[in-house]
Amino acid sequence: MSGQLSLFLSDFLPRFLRGMAVNFEIAIIALVIGLALGLLLALGRYRGGLARGTAASAVALMRAAPTFVVMFFLLNAIPRDMTLFGMPLALSGIMAVALSLVPYSASYISDAGLDAMRHWHDGSRLGALLFLPNVTRAFFVLVMSSSAGAAIGVTEAISVILRRAEHLPSLDERLLLFAFGIVMFGIPLQLGFALVSYVQRRLNRISRPAEPAKAA
């Protein structure tokens, strides 16, 4: 590794970590809004009747909404100088990305919430608790999806990597930087997914009724 790259990485790492913090901020905003909307939709689907049909249609539409299309629609549909009661309503880049992830977040939460309500109704409290690891899994997916912000100049982790790679003189150094970013970004998320999967397996085992002992 050249001295230039060593110096480069010493400047890159803190910027990258700040970018990752932006990824987590976007994911938290999208998850909080998605929880509020998704649970309302889950309740509508659970109740049945007209509420069920309306909520199911809304969830189906959200599942089909591409993140990039929603993001660019929001950026262009809301005028930059728009105000409400004198307060500016223009979306920041972070809010635009977060809101573009809400359709995925809300539809996923709606599915998980509906399953939890059905488990609870059937008397399976542990089955209903699977909602928590499902929400955690959604959060990690949102963290990864928040890299869409690079397309509109949001300074998140992926955009930091791309901007820094442009200034490296050789392909080898760029590949090394990309590998470094994959390790820093990928390992924590994969550990999170592994932990969520472990909790889900444990809850599934505990929630299953014990098999009757075979007669000797």
C-alpha atoms as a PDB file:
ATOM      1  CA  MET A   1       0.000   0.000   0.000  1.00  0.00           C
ATOM      2  CA  SER A   2       1.431   3.368  -1.006  1.00  0.00           C
ATOM      3  CA  GLY A   3       1.956   6.168   1.454  1.00  0.00           C
ATOM      4  CA  GLN A   4      -0.546   8.203  -0.540  1.00  0.00           C
ATOM      5  CA  LEU A   5      -3.222   5.541  -0.054  1.00  0.00           C
ATOM      6  CA  SER A   6      -2.426   5.290   3.667  1.00  0.00           C
ATOM      7  CA  LEU A   7      -2.928   9.019   4.015  1.00  0.00           C
ATOM      8  CA  PHE A   8      -6.044   8.773   1.882  1.00  0.00           C
ATOM      9  CA  LEU A   9      -7.583   6.086   4.100  1.00  0.00           C
ATOM     10  CA  SER A  10      -6.826   8.053   7.252  1.00  0.00           C
ATOM     11  CA  ASP A  11      -9.009  10.823   5.832  1.00  0.00           C
ATOM     12  CA  PHE A  12     -11.514   8.426   4.265  1.00  0.00           C
ATOM     13  CA  LEU A  13     -12.407   6.417   7.380  1.00  0.00           C
ATOM     14  CA  PRO A  14     -13.995   9.218   9.450  1.00  0.00           C
ATOM     15  CA  ARG A  15     -15.899  10.450   6.391  1.00  0.00           C
ATOM     16  CA  PHE A  16     -17.088   6.927   5.694  1.00  0.00           C
ATOM     17  CA  LEU A  17     -18.274   6.464   9.284  1.00  0.00           C
ATOM     18  CA  ARG A  18     -20.179   9.757   9.109  1.00  0.00           C
ATOM     19  CA  GLY A  19     -21.707   8.498   5.870  1.00  0.00           C
ATOM     20  CA  MET A  20     -22.775   5.278   7.583  1.00  0.00           C
ATOM     21  CA  ALA A  21     -24.425   7.366  10.298  1.00  0.00           C
ATOM     22  CA  VAL A  22     -26.476   9.014   7.526  1.00  0.00           C
ATOM     23  CA  ASN A  23     -27.482   5.550   6.256  1.00  0.00           C
ATOM     24  CA  PHE A  24     -28.718   4.647   9.731  1.00  0.00           C
ATOM     25  CA  GLU A  25     -30.513   7.985  10.098  1.00  0.00           C
ATOM     26  CA  ILE A  26     -32.390   7.436   6.829  1.00  0.00           C
ATOM     27  CA  ALA A  27     -33.301   3.871   7.836  1.00  0.00           C
ATOM     28  CA  ILE A  28     -34.604   4.978  11.248  1.00  0.00           C
ATOM     29  CA  ILE A  29     -36.820   7.684   9.723  1.00  0.00           C
ATOM     30  CA  ALA A  30     -38.202   5.262   7.117  1.00  0.00           C
ATOM     31  CA  LEU A  31     -38.811   2.578   9.736  1.00  0.00           C
ATOM     32  CA  VAL A  32     -40.613   4.884  12.194  1.00  0.00           C
ATOM     33  CA  ILE A  33     -42.963   6.194   9.492  1.00  0.00           C
ATOM     34  CA  GLY A  34     -43.350   2.686   8.095  1.00  0.00           C
ATOM     35  CA  LEU A  35     -44.280   1.330  11.523  1.00  0.00           C
ATOM     36  CA  ALA A  36     -47.047   3.897  11.986  1.00  0.00           C
ATOM     37  CA  LEU A  37     -48.479   3.416   8.495  1.00  0.00           C
ATOM     38  CA  GLY A  38     -47.835  -0.323   8.258  1.00  0.00           C
ATOM     39  CA  LEU A  39     -49.574  -1.163  11.535  1.00  0.00           C
ATOM     40  CA  LEU A  40     -52.640   0.835  10.480  1.00  0.00           C
ATOM     41  CA  LEU A  41     -52.722  -1.087   7.203  1.00  0.00           C
ATOM     42  CA  ALA A  42     -52.236  -4.386   9.051  1.00  0.00           C
ATOM     43  CA  LEU A  43     -55.178  -3.558  11.327  1.00  0.00           C
ATOM     44  CA  GLY A  44     -57.339  -2.762   8.304  1.00  0.00           C
ATOM     45  CA  ARG A  45     -56.421  -6.059   6.645  1.00  0.00           C
ATOM     46  CA  TYR A  46     -57.095  -7.920   9.886  1.00  0.00           C
ATOM     47  CA  ARG A  47     -60.556  -6.406  10.412  1.00  0.00           C
ATOM     48  CA  GLY A  48     -61.886  -7.485   7.029  1.00  0.00           C
ATOM     49  CA  GLY A  49     -64.641  -5.958   4.935  1.00  0.00           C
ATOM     50  CA  LEU A  50     -64.062  -2.709   3.073  1.00  0.00           C
ATOM     51  CA  ALA A  51     -61.080  -1.845   5.298  1.00  0.00           C
ATOM     52  CA  ARG A  52     -59.389  -5.092   4.305  1.00  0.00           C
ATOM     53  CA  GLY A  53     -59.824  -4.493   0.576  1.00  0.00           C
ATOM     54  CA  THR A  54     -58.639  -0.889   0.798  1.00  0.00           C
ATOM     55  CA  ALA A  55     -55.611  -1.727   2.941  1.00  0.00           C
ATOM     56  CA  ALA A  56     -54.665  -4.735   0.795  1.00  0.00           C
ATOM     57  CA  SER A  57     -54.824  -2.589  -2.361  1.00  0.00           C
ATOM     58  CA  ALA A  58     -52.644   0.076  -0.744  1.00  0.00           C
ATOM     59  CA  VAL A  59     -50.064  -2.526   0.327  1.00  0.00           C
ATOM     60  CA  ALA A  60     -49.992  -4.063  -3.165  1.00  0.00           C
ATOM     61  CA  LEU A  61     -49.386  -0.616  -4.664  1.00  0.00           C
ATOM     62  CA  MET A  62     -46.586   0.076  -2.172  1.00  0.00           C
ATOM     63  CA  ARG A  63     -44.881  -3.219  -2.995  1.00  0.00           C
ATOM     64  CA  ALA A  64     -44.809  -2.234  -6.667  1.00  0.00           C
ATOM     65  CA  ALA A  65     -43.392   1.261  -6.058  1.00  0.00           C
ATOM     66  CA  PRO A  66     -39.711   1.482  -7.166  1.00  0.00           C
ATOM     67  CA  THR A  67     -37.592   3.424  -4.677  1.00  0.00           C
ATOM     68  CA  PHE A  68     -35.815   5.508  -7.320  1.00  0.00           C
ATOM     69  CA  VAL A  69     -39.086   6.480  -9.008  1.00  0.00           C
ATOM     70  CA  VAL A  70     -40.637   7.524  -5.682  1.00  0.00           C
ATOM     71  CA  MET A  71     -37.507   9.454  -4.705  1.00  0.00           C
ATOM     72  CA  PHE A  72     -37.301  11.463  -7.922  1.00  0.00           C
ATOM     73  CA  PHE A  73     -41.073  12.013  -7.901  1.00  0.00           C
ATOM     74  CA  LEU A  74     -40.858  13.523  -4.410  1.00  0.00           C
ATOM     75  CA  LEU A  75     -37.950  15.745  -5.381  1.00  0.00           C
ATOM     76  CA  ASN A  76     -39.765  17.085  -8.440  1.00  0.00           C
ATOM     77  CA  ALA A  77     -43.347  17.140  -7.139  1.00  0.00           C
ATOM     78  CA  ILE A  78     -42.650  19.392  -4.145  1.00  0.00           C
ATOM     79  CA  PRO A  79     -41.529  22.892  -5.208  1.00  0.00           C
ATOM     80  CA  ARG A  80     -38.292  24.082  -3.672  1.00  0.00           C
ATOM     81  CA  ASP A  81     -39.927  27.276  -2.407  1.00  0.00           C
ATOM     82  CA  MET A  82     -43.116  25.661  -1.060  1.00  0.00           C
ATOM     83  CA  THR A  83     -44.208  26.807   2.407  1.00  0.00           C
ATOM     84  CA  LEU A  84     -47.019  26.056   4.863  1.00  0.00           C
ATOM     85  CA  PHE A  85     -47.946  28.768   7.388  1.00  0.00           C
ATOM     86  CA  GLY A  86     -44.627  30.400   6.598  1.00  0.00           C
ATOM     87  CA  MET A  87     -42.634  27.196   7.239  1.00  0.00           C
ATOM     88  CA  PRO A  88     -40.546  25.825   4.346  1.00  0.00           C
ATOM     89  CA  LEU A  89     -41.664  22.396   3.123  1.00  0.00           C
ATOM     90  CA  ALA A  90     -38.854  21.644   0.692  1.00  0.00           C
ATOM     91  CA  LEU A  91     -37.494  18.137   1.267  1.00  0.00           C
ATOM     92  CA  SER A  92     -33.882  17.663   2.238  1.00  0.00           C
ATOM     93  CA  GLY A  93     -32.002  14.904   0.446  1.00  0.00           C
ATOM     94  CA  ILE A  94     -32.115  12.704   3.547  1.00  0.00           C
ATOM     95  CA  MET A  95     -35.888  13.103   3.921  1.00  0.00           C
ATOM     96  CA  ALA A  96     -36.451  12.427   0.222  1.00  0.00           C
ATOM     97  CA  VAL A  97     -34.553   9.134   0.460  1.00  0.00           C
ATOM     98  CA  ALA A  98     -36.263   8.182   3.737  1.00  0.00           C
ATOM     99  CA  LEU A  99     -39.740   8.871   2.346  1.00  0.00           C
ATOM    100  CA  SER A 100     -38.940   6.932  -0.827  1.00  0.00           C
ATOM    101  CA  LEU A 101     -38.250   3.891   1.373  1.00  0.00           C
ATOM    102  CA  VAL A 102     -41.536   4.212   3.278  1.00  0.00           C
ATOM    103  CA  PRO A 103     -43.558   2.175   0.709  1.00  0.00           C
ATOM    104  CA  TYR A 104     -41.250  -0.820   1.252  1.00  0.00           C
ATOM    105  CA  SER A 105     -41.123  -0.258   5.005  1.00  0.00           C
ATOM    106  CA  ALA A 106     -44.892   0.121   5.429  1.00  0.00           C
ATOM    107  CA  SER A 107     -45.765  -2.868   3.225  1.00  0.00           C
ATOM    108  CA  TYR A 108     -43.253  -5.092   5.025  1.00  0.00           C
ATOM    109  CA  ILE A 109     -44.489  -3.965   8.447  1.00  0.00           C
ATOM    110  CA  SER A 110     -48.076  -4.503   7.329  1.00  0.00           C
ATOM    111  CA  ASP A 111     -47.337  -8.128   6.376  1.00  0.00           C
ATOM    112  CA  ALA A 112     -45.406  -8.794   9.587  1.00  0.00           C
ATOM    113  CA  GLY A 113     -48.021  -7.011  11.706  1.00  0.00           C
ATOM    114  CA  LEU A 114     -50.866  -8.993  10.129  1.00  0.00           C
ATOM    115  CA  ASP A 115     -49.049 -12.265  10.883  1.00  0.00           C
ATOM    116  CA  ALA A 116     -48.481 -11.128  14.478  1.00  0.00           C
ATOM    117  CA  MET A 117     -52.170 -10.265  14.927  1.00  0.00           C
ATOM    118  CA  ARG A 118     -53.206 -13.666  13.615  1.00  0.00           C
ATOM    119  CA  HIS A 119     -50.745 -15.459  15.920  1.00  0.00           C
ATOM    120  CA  TRP A 120     -52.025 -13.435  18.869  1.00  0.00           C
ATOM    121  CA  HIS A 121     -55.649 -14.246  18.003  1.00  0.00           C
ATOM    122  CA  ASP A 122     -54.748 -17.943  17.818  1.00  0.00           C
ATOM    123  CA  GLY A 123     -53.187 -17.759  21.276  1.00  0.00           C
ATOM    124  CA  SER A 124     -49.575 -17.992  20.119  1.00  0.00           C
ATOM    125  CA  ARG A 125     -47.870 -15.183  22.024  1.00  0.00           C
ATOM    126  CA  LEU A 126     -44.397 -16.333  20.994  1.00  0.00           C
ATOM    127  CA  GLY A 127     -45.508 -16.475  17.377  1.00  0.00           C
ATOM    128  CA  ALA A 128     -46.662 -12.880  17.675  1.00  0.00           C
ATOM    129  CA  LEU A 129     -43.244 -11.953  19.060  1.00  0.00           C
ATOM    130  CA  LEU A 130     -41.727 -12.869  15.690  1.00  0.00           C
ATOM    131  CA  PHE A 131     -42.858  -9.360  14.727  1.00  0.00           C
ATOM    132  CA  LEU A 132     -39.823  -7.918  16.550  1.00  0.00           C
ATOM    133  CA  PRO A 133     -37.076  -9.764  14.632  1.00  0.00           C
ATOM    134  CA  ASN A 134     -39.032  -9.111  11.425  1.00  0.00           C
ATOM    135  CA  VAL A 135     -38.935  -5.372  12.143  1.00  0.00           C
ATOM    136  CA  THR A 136     -35.211  -5.624  12.884  1.00  0.00           C
ATOM    137  CA  ARG A 137     -34.654  -7.398   9.575  1.00  0.00           C
ATOM    138  CA  ALA A 138     -36.559  -4.619   7.802  1.00  0.00           C
ATOM    139  CA  PHE A 139     -34.280  -2.065   9.455  1.00  0.00           C
ATOM    140  CA  PHE A 140     -31.140  -3.726   8.081  1.00  0.00           C
ATOM    141  CA  VAL A 141     -32.680  -3.893   4.609  1.00  0.00           C
ATOM    142  CA  LEU A 142     -33.494  -0.184   4.868  1.00  0.00           C
ATOM    143  CA  VAL A 143     -29.899   0.591   5.856  1.00  0.00           C
ATOM    144  CA  MET A 144     -28.671  -1.128   2.679  1.00  0.00           C
ATOM    145  CA  SER A 145     -31.377   0.474   0.537  1.00  0.00           C
ATOM    146  CA  SER A 146     -30.513   3.942   1.857  1.00  0.00           C
ATOM    147  CA  SER A 147     -27.516   3.924  -0.482  1.00  0.00           C
ATOM    148  CA  ALA A 148     -30.011   5.121  -3.121  1.00  0.00           C
ATOM    149  CA  GLY A 149     -29.187   8.539  -1.713  1.00  0.00           C
ATOM    150  CA  ALA A 150     -25.932   8.485  -3.692  1.00  0.00           C
ATOM    151  CA  ALA A 151     -28.001   9.154  -6.826  1.00  0.00           C
ATOM    152  CA  ILE A 152     -29.088  12.577  -5.562  1.00  0.00           C
ATOM    153  CA  GLY A 153     -25.877  13.599  -3.815  1.00  0.00           C
ATOM    154  CA  VAL A 154     -26.709  12.579  -0.244  1.00  0.00           C
ATOM    155  CA  THR A 155     -23.412  12.044   1.556  1.00  0.00           C
ATOM    156  CA  GLU A 156     -23.956   8.507   2.796  1.00  0.00           C
ATOM    157  CA  ALA A 157     -21.389   5.701   2.930  1.00  0.00           C
ATOM    158  CA  ILE A 158     -21.599   4.548  -0.687  1.00  0.00           C
ATOM    159  CA  SER A 159     -21.347   8.076  -2.064  1.00  0.00           C
ATOM    160  CA  VAL A 160     -18.268   8.664   0.116  1.00  0.00           C
ATOM    161  CA  ILE A 161     -16.627   5.588  -1.446  1.00  0.00           C
ATOM    162  CA  LEU A 162     -17.511   6.655  -4.989  1.00  0.00           C
ATOM    163  CA  ARG A 163     -16.282  10.213  -4.511  1.00  0.00           C
ATOM    164  CA  ARG A 164     -13.007   9.116  -2.961  1.00  0.00           C
ATOM    165  CA  ALA A 165     -12.416   6.456  -5.622  1.00  0.00           C
ATOM    166  CA  GLU A 166     -12.474   9.142  -8.324  1.00  0.00           C
ATOM    167  CA  HIS A 167      -9.292  10.660  -6.858  1.00  0.00           C
ATOM    168  CA  LEU A 168      -7.246   7.477  -6.630  1.00  0.00           C
ATOM    169  CA  PRO A 169      -4.611   7.191  -9.362  1.00  0.00           C
ATOM    170  CA  SER A 170      -4.703   3.434 -10.017  1.00  0.00           C
ATOM    171  CA  LEU A 171      -7.299   0.713 -10.481  1.00  0.00           C
ATOM    172  CA  ASP A 172      -5.663  -1.436  -7.784  1.00  0.00           C
ATOM    173  CA  GLU A 173      -6.092   1.302  -5.201  1.00  0.00           C
ATOM    174  CA  ARG A 174      -9.709   1.826  -6.208  1.00  0.00           C
ATOM    175  CA  LEU A 175     -10.430  -1.893  -5.902  1.00  0.00           C
ATOM    176  CA  LEU A 176      -8.778  -1.917  -2.492  1.00  0.00           C
ATOM    177  CA  LEU A 177     -10.944   1.007  -1.415  1.00  0.00           C
ATOM    178  CA  PHE A 178     -14.093  -0.754  -2.647  1.00  0.00           C
ATOM    179  CA  ALA A 179     -13.075  -3.919  -0.778  1.00  0.00           C
ATOM    180  CA  PHE A 180     -12.492  -1.886   2.375  1.00  0.00           C
ATOM    181  CA  GLY A 181     -15.945  -0.326   2.028  1.00  0.00           C
ATOM    182  CA  ILE A 182     -17.580  -3.722   1.520  1.00  0.00           C
ATOM    183  CA  VAL A 183     -15.964  -5.038   4.692  1.00  0.00           C
ATOM    184  CA  MET A 184     -16.874  -1.979   6.761  1.00  0.00           C
ATOM    185  CA  PHE A 185     -20.422  -1.836   5.441  1.00  0.00           C
ATOM    186  CA  GLY A 186     -21.189  -5.504   4.885  1.00  0.00           C
ATOM    187  CA  ILE A 187     -19.921  -7.307   7.963  1.00  0.00           C
ATOM    188  CA  PRO A 188     -22.029  -5.426  10.574  1.00  0.00           C
ATOM    189  CA  LEU A 189     -25.152  -5.879   8.455  1.00  0.00           C
ATOM    190  CA  GLN A 190     -24.494  -9.574   7.881  1.00  0.00           C
ATOM    191  CA  LEU A 191     -23.935 -10.060  11.613  1.00  0.00           C
ATOM    192  CA  GLY A 192     -27.244  -8.306  12.216  1.00  0.00           C
ATOM    193  CA  PHE A 193     -29.042 -10.571   9.747  1.00  0.00           C
ATOM    194  CA  ALA A 194     -27.445 -13.640  11.349  1.00  0.00           C
ATOM    195  CA  LEU A 195     -28.599 -12.548  14.811  1.00  0.00           C
ATOM    196  CA  VAL A 196     -32.142 -11.895  13.576  1.00  0.00           C
ATOM    197  CA  SER A 197     -32.260 -15.302  11.866  1.00  0.00           C
ATOM    198  CA  TYR A 198     -31.065 -16.981  15.065  1.00  0.00           C
ATOM    199  CA  VAL A 199     -33.767 -15.272  17.152  1.00  0.00           C
ATOM    200  CA  GLN A 200     -36.419 -16.214  14.585  1.00  0.00           C
ATOM    201  CA  ARG A 201     -35.364 -19.864  14.626  1.00  0.00           C
ATOM    202  CA  ARG A 202     -35.424 -19.933  18.425  1.00  0.00           C
ATOM    203  CA  LEU A 203     -38.874 -18.379  18.598  1.00  0.00           C
ATOM    204  CA  ASN A 204     -40.168 -20.763  15.933  1.00  0.00           C
ATOM    205  CA  ARG A 205     -38.894 -23.770  17.878  1.00  0.00           C
ATOM    206  CA  ILE A 206     -40.331 -22.557  21.174  1.00  0.00           C
ATOM    207  CA  SER A 207     -43.702 -21.611  19.664  1.00  0.00           C
ATOM    208  CA  ARG A 208     -44.243 -25.042  18.080  1.00  0.00           C
ATOM    209  CA  PRO A 209     -46.349 -27.374  20.170  1.00  0.00           C
ATOM    210  CA  ALA A 210     -44.387 -30.244  21.635  1.00  0.00           C
ATOM    211  CA  GLU A 211     -44.896 -33.549  19.853  1.00  0.00           C
ATOM    212  CA  PRO A 212     -46.626 -36.228  21.964  1.00  0.00           C
ATOM    213  CA  ALA A 213     -44.253 -38.847  23.294  1.00  0.00           C
ATOM    214  CA  LYS A 214     -44.380 -42.131  21.435  1.00  0.00           C
ATOM    215  CA  ALA A 215     -45.705 -45.141  23.301  1.00  0.00           C
ATOM    216  CA  ALA A 216     -42.984 -47.510  24.402  1.00  0.00           C
END
